[in-house]
Structures are given as structure tokens and as C-alpha cells.
Amino acid sequence: MKRTTKLRKESKPTKSRRKVATPAGLTKPHNALEVLRSRIAESASFFHEFTIGCVPFRIWPGMNCSNHTDATSGVEHIRLENGSPDAPSGGHTGGYSIRLPDTLEAAASGRHVAVSVVSRGVAGAKSRFALSYSTNEVGNTGWRWQNAGPEWAVFTIEYDVPTMKQGRGDFVGILADKEGHPGIEICYLSVSVTERPGK
């Protein structure tokens, strides 16, 4: 009896054992959105949070943009609806347009960029939206359409950026589907710059 009791006590992890099993400084993300945020922010050259009060470079006429807060995580985000099929993917881009820093434009010249967003359809719907990377000078990706579902997820487009000439600013555009179709919600955006594949 005593031997059995002693063996049972030793088989239970003690407090000191639990501490050793947990690496110092390790913090567990508190929700799925934090995991996705960390995933796109880790190697980002540019990172943008769509918090209430953040101002885009411009919004294409007719497309709606409103601010919201996720009920589960408390994370702020924007909702885009009624995108125009005529919105340009080049120049300053149509849709919701973000001007990237001049330092990023210089770093991206002649290199490879990946644009990632954390997004979902509005009110649990399946939704379409498009992303564009524009150099406003030597080319752009065109609108790259994505299919979002009801849960937050990461969507990425990639582009080999031509070498800039004068440097007129690089832009990221986000375009919602046309009127009558479900809108899109976005909370985070990142741009990472790497060497072109094969170099």
C-alpha cells in the first residue's frame, strides 16, 4: 500500500517540473487573430493595423469603408463594401489605397515583395476581394482576387518589382467586390521584401 502510494506521488508532475518544462519568456498567443498577426508581422518590412482613426491615402469613390471591433478578440478592423469594377490597379490604385514609405519603395526596387492581409467575409459570408501592388511608375500586379470565408485568415500576393526610375511612391490597393455582394473585413496588412527567387 505504502509503495503504491509513493509511486503515484512520484508520477505526478511537481510544480518545479512544470516550470522546467516551460521555456523562459515563452508566451502563448491568446487568440487565433494574434497567431495570424504574428505570422505576417514577423518578417515584415512594413506593417499596418487598421485601427479606428487610421487614415488611408484615399478611398475610391463609391466604395464604403467603416470601422469595427471584433467581438471575440477586441481587435479593431475596417469593413470594405461596394467596390467599383472600374477601379484602377495601377497608379495610386483604386479601392482602399495605402501609400508605402519611401524607404520601402527604395528597398523593393528590383526585388521581390509579398503583400499579406488578415481578412474575412462580413457576417460569416463567403466574399471576394482583390489586392494590388503598384509602383506608380514601372508596373503593378493588376488586381489579384482572393476568396475569403467566415473565419480570419491570411491572404498573400507576390510580385517581382521592376527597378524604379524616378520613384513616385509605391502603393497597396484593396478592392471589395462590387455592389450587391458581401463585403470584406481586414485587420492587418504587411509587406515583406526579399531577393528575387533564383538570385
Protein backbone atom coordinates (compact mmCIF):
# COMPACT_ATOMS: atom_id res chain seq x y z
CA MET A 1 0.00 0.00 0.00
CA LYS A 2 2.71 2.46 1.01
CA ARG A 3 4.83 1.56 -2.01
CA THR A 4 1.89 2.08 -4.35
CA THR A 5 1.08 5.45 -2.79
CA LYS A 6 4.70 6.54 -3.10
CA LEU A 7 4.87 5.59 -6.78
CA ARG A 8 1.70 7.52 -7.52
CA LYS A 9 3.07 10.63 -5.89
CA GLU A 10 6.27 10.49 -7.91
CA SER A 11 4.40 10.02 -11.18
CA LYS A 12 2.58 13.35 -10.76
CA PRO A 13 4.43 16.35 -12.22
CA THR A 14 5.54 18.68 -9.44
CA LYS A 15 5.42 22.47 -9.67
CA SER A 16 9.16 22.61 -10.20
CA ARG A 17 8.93 20.15 -13.09
CA ARG A 18 6.23 22.24 -14.75
CA LYS A 19 8.47 25.30 -14.60
CA VAL A 20 11.37 23.47 -16.19
CA ALA A 21 9.14 22.18 -19.00
CA THR A 22 8.10 25.75 -19.97
CA PRO A 23 10.87 27.74 -21.73
CA ALA A 24 11.60 31.08 -20.11
CA GLY A 25 9.91 34.02 -21.80
CA LEU A 26 7.57 31.84 -23.87
CA THR A 27 4.12 33.37 -24.17
CA LYS A 28 1.20 31.61 -25.76
CA PRO A 29 -0.88 33.75 -28.15
CA HIS A 30 -4.24 34.44 -26.51
CA ASN A 31 -6.33 34.02 -29.63
CA ALA A 32 -6.28 32.95 -33.26
CA LEU A 33 -6.02 36.53 -34.51
CA GLU A 34 -2.82 37.07 -32.54
CA VAL A 35 -1.33 33.97 -34.17
CA LEU A 36 -2.16 35.32 -37.64
CA ARG A 37 -0.81 38.76 -36.74
CA SER A 38 2.48 37.28 -35.59
CA ARG A 39 2.70 35.19 -38.74
CA ILE A 40 2.61 38.16 -41.14
CA ALA A 41 4.41 40.67 -38.91
CA GLU A 42 7.47 38.55 -38.13
CA SER A 43 9.47 39.32 -41.27
CA ALA A 44 7.59 42.42 -42.44
CA SER A 45 9.35 45.48 -43.84
CA PHE A 46 6.04 47.36 -43.41
CA PHE A 47 3.18 46.54 -41.05
CA HIS A 48 -0.19 48.29 -40.84
CA GLU A 49 -3.02 47.86 -38.32
CA PHE A 50 -6.46 49.04 -39.38
CA THR A 51 -7.32 50.69 -36.10
CA ILE A 52 -10.13 53.17 -35.59
CA GLY A 53 -8.93 56.58 -36.75
CA CYS A 54 -6.28 55.32 -39.19
CA VAL A 55 -6.49 57.22 -42.46
CA PRO A 56 -5.80 55.67 -45.88
CA PHE A 57 -4.21 57.62 -48.70
CA ARG A 58 -7.60 57.62 -50.37
CA ILE A 59 -10.75 55.60 -50.95
CA TRP A 60 -12.13 55.15 -54.46
CA PRO A 61 -15.47 56.95 -54.94
CA GLY A 62 -18.48 54.78 -54.21
CA MET A 63 -16.70 52.17 -52.09
CA ASN A 64 -17.78 52.14 -48.44
CA CYS A 65 -15.30 51.93 -45.57
CA SER A 66 -16.32 51.68 -41.90
CA ASN A 67 -14.55 50.89 -38.63
CA HIS A 68 -15.47 47.93 -36.40
CA THR A 69 -14.21 45.93 -33.42
CA ASP A 70 -14.08 42.14 -33.33
CA ALA A 71 -16.43 40.94 -30.58
CA THR A 72 -14.28 37.95 -29.61
CA SER A 73 -10.77 39.46 -29.53
CA GLY A 74 -11.41 43.20 -29.29
CA VAL A 75 -9.24 43.76 -32.40
CA GLU A 76 -10.18 46.79 -34.49
CA HIS A 77 -10.61 46.43 -38.26
CA ILE A 78 -12.15 48.00 -41.33
CA ARG A 79 -15.05 46.80 -43.45
CA LEU A 80 -14.99 47.46 -47.19
CA GLU A 81 -18.08 47.17 -49.39
CA ASN A 82 -19.34 48.19 -52.85
CA GLY A 83 -16.08 48.10 -54.79
CA SER A 84 -16.05 49.51 -58.30
CA PRO A 85 -15.16 47.18 -61.21
CA ASP A 86 -13.57 50.24 -62.86
CA ALA A 87 -11.14 50.96 -60.02
CA PRO A 88 -7.57 51.06 -61.40
CA SER A 89 -4.94 48.64 -60.10
CA GLY A 90 -2.08 50.97 -61.08
CA GLY A 91 -1.02 54.47 -60.11
CA HIS A 92 -2.25 55.32 -56.64
CA THR A 93 -4.71 52.38 -57.13
CA GLY A 94 -8.44 52.49 -56.68
CA GLY A 95 -10.21 50.82 -53.78
CA TYR A 96 -8.65 51.45 -50.37
CA SER A 97 -5.19 52.84 -51.18
CA ILE A 98 -2.19 52.83 -48.82
CA ARG A 99 0.96 54.81 -49.65
CA LEU A 100 4.04 52.86 -48.60
CA PRO A 101 7.05 54.64 -47.06
CA ASP A 102 9.74 55.93 -49.44
CA THR A 103 12.27 53.70 -47.68
CA LEU A 104 10.22 50.63 -48.60
CA GLU A 105 9.88 51.78 -52.21
CA ALA A 106 13.67 52.01 -52.43
CA ALA A 107 14.17 48.65 -50.72
CA ALA A 108 11.62 46.93 -53.01
CA SER A 109 13.12 48.25 -56.26
CA GLY A 110 14.31 45.30 -58.34
CA ARG A 111 13.39 42.83 -55.62
CA HIS A 112 10.54 40.50 -54.61
CA VAL A 113 7.63 41.63 -52.41
CA ALA A 114 4.88 39.70 -50.64
CA VAL A 115 1.76 41.57 -49.55
CA SER A 116 -0.27 39.80 -46.85
CA VAL A 117 -3.55 40.71 -45.17
CA VAL A 118 -5.59 39.12 -42.40
CA SER A 119 -9.16 39.16 -43.64
CA ARG A 120 -12.60 37.52 -43.55
CA GLY A 121 -16.03 37.87 -45.13
CA VAL A 122 -18.62 40.09 -43.44
CA ALA A 123 -21.13 38.43 -41.08
CA GLY A 124 -19.92 34.90 -41.76
CA ALA A 125 -20.39 35.15 -45.52
CA LYS A 126 -18.04 34.00 -48.25
CA SER A 127 -16.63 37.01 -50.01
CA ARG A 128 -14.27 38.10 -52.79
CA PHE A 129 -11.75 40.91 -52.63
CA ALA A 130 -8.64 41.91 -54.55
CA LEU A 131 -5.14 43.15 -53.74
CA SER A 132 -2.76 45.14 -55.92
CA TYR A 133 0.84 46.30 -55.53
CA SER A 134 1.58 49.36 -57.66
CA THR A 135 4.90 51.10 -58.26
CA ASN A 136 3.03 54.09 -59.70
CA GLU A 137 5.77 54.19 -62.31
CA VAL A 138 7.13 50.93 -63.76
CA GLY A 139 4.29 48.44 -63.31
CA ASN A 140 1.77 46.80 -60.99
CA THR A 141 0.36 43.37 -60.23
CA GLY A 142 -3.14 44.05 -61.52
CA TRP A 143 -5.99 43.07 -59.22
CA ARG A 144 -5.35 39.65 -57.68
CA TRP A 145 -8.67 38.25 -56.50
CA GLN A 146 -8.97 36.29 -53.25
CA ASN A 147 -11.81 34.18 -51.82
CA ALA A 148 -12.39 34.76 -48.11
CA GLY A 149 -14.53 32.71 -45.76
CA PRO A 150 -16.20 33.44 -42.42
CA GLU A 151 -13.03 32.99 -40.34
CA TRP A 152 -9.98 35.26 -40.15
CA ALA A 153 -7.23 34.01 -42.48
CA VAL A 154 -4.04 35.19 -44.21
CA PHE A 155 -4.12 36.08 -47.92
CA THR A 156 -0.92 36.84 -49.85
CA ILE A 157 0.11 38.09 -53.28
CA GLU A 158 3.69 38.21 -54.56
CA TYR A 159 5.41 40.41 -57.14
CA ASP A 160 8.83 40.89 -58.72
CA VAL A 161 9.14 44.66 -58.55
CA PRO A 162 10.78 46.34 -61.57
CA THR A 163 13.69 48.69 -60.91
CA MET A 164 12.39 52.17 -60.17
CA LYS A 165 13.40 55.15 -62.29
CA GLN A 166 12.33 58.40 -60.66
CA GLY A 167 10.47 56.92 -57.69
CA ARG A 168 6.89 58.12 -57.49
CA GLY A 169 5.78 56.11 -54.49
CA ASP A 170 4.62 52.51 -54.13
CA PHE A 171 1.04 51.72 -53.17
CA VAL A 172 -1.06 48.77 -51.99
CA GLY A 173 -4.69 48.73 -53.08
CA ILE A 174 -7.53 46.69 -51.56
CA LEU A 175 -10.73 46.34 -53.55
CA ALA A 176 -14.04 44.97 -52.25
CA ASP A 177 -16.39 43.03 -54.53
CA LYS A 178 -18.99 45.03 -56.44
CA GLU A 179 -22.26 46.31 -55.00
CA GLY A 180 -24.74 43.60 -54.05
CA HIS A 181 -22.00 41.17 -52.97
CA PRO A 182 -20.79 40.56 -49.39
CA GLY A 183 -18.11 42.93 -48.11
CA ILE A 184 -14.73 42.15 -46.60
CA GLU A 185 -13.15 42.86 -43.20
CA ILE A 186 -9.40 43.44 -42.77
CA CYS A 187 -7.42 43.99 -39.57
CA TYR A 188 -3.71 43.67 -40.53
CA LEU A 189 -1.53 44.21 -43.59
CA SER A 190 2.18 43.59 -44.12
CA VAL A 191 4.71 43.93 -46.93
CA SER A 192 7.91 41.92 -46.87
CA VAL A 193 10.87 42.40 -49.23
CA THR A 194 13.29 39.64 -50.25
CA GLU A 195 15.66 38.84 -53.08
CA ARG A 196 14.04 37.59 -56.26
CA PRO A 197 13.79 33.79 -56.43
CA GLY A 198 16.82 32.29 -58.15
CA LYS A 199 19.20 35.07 -57.17
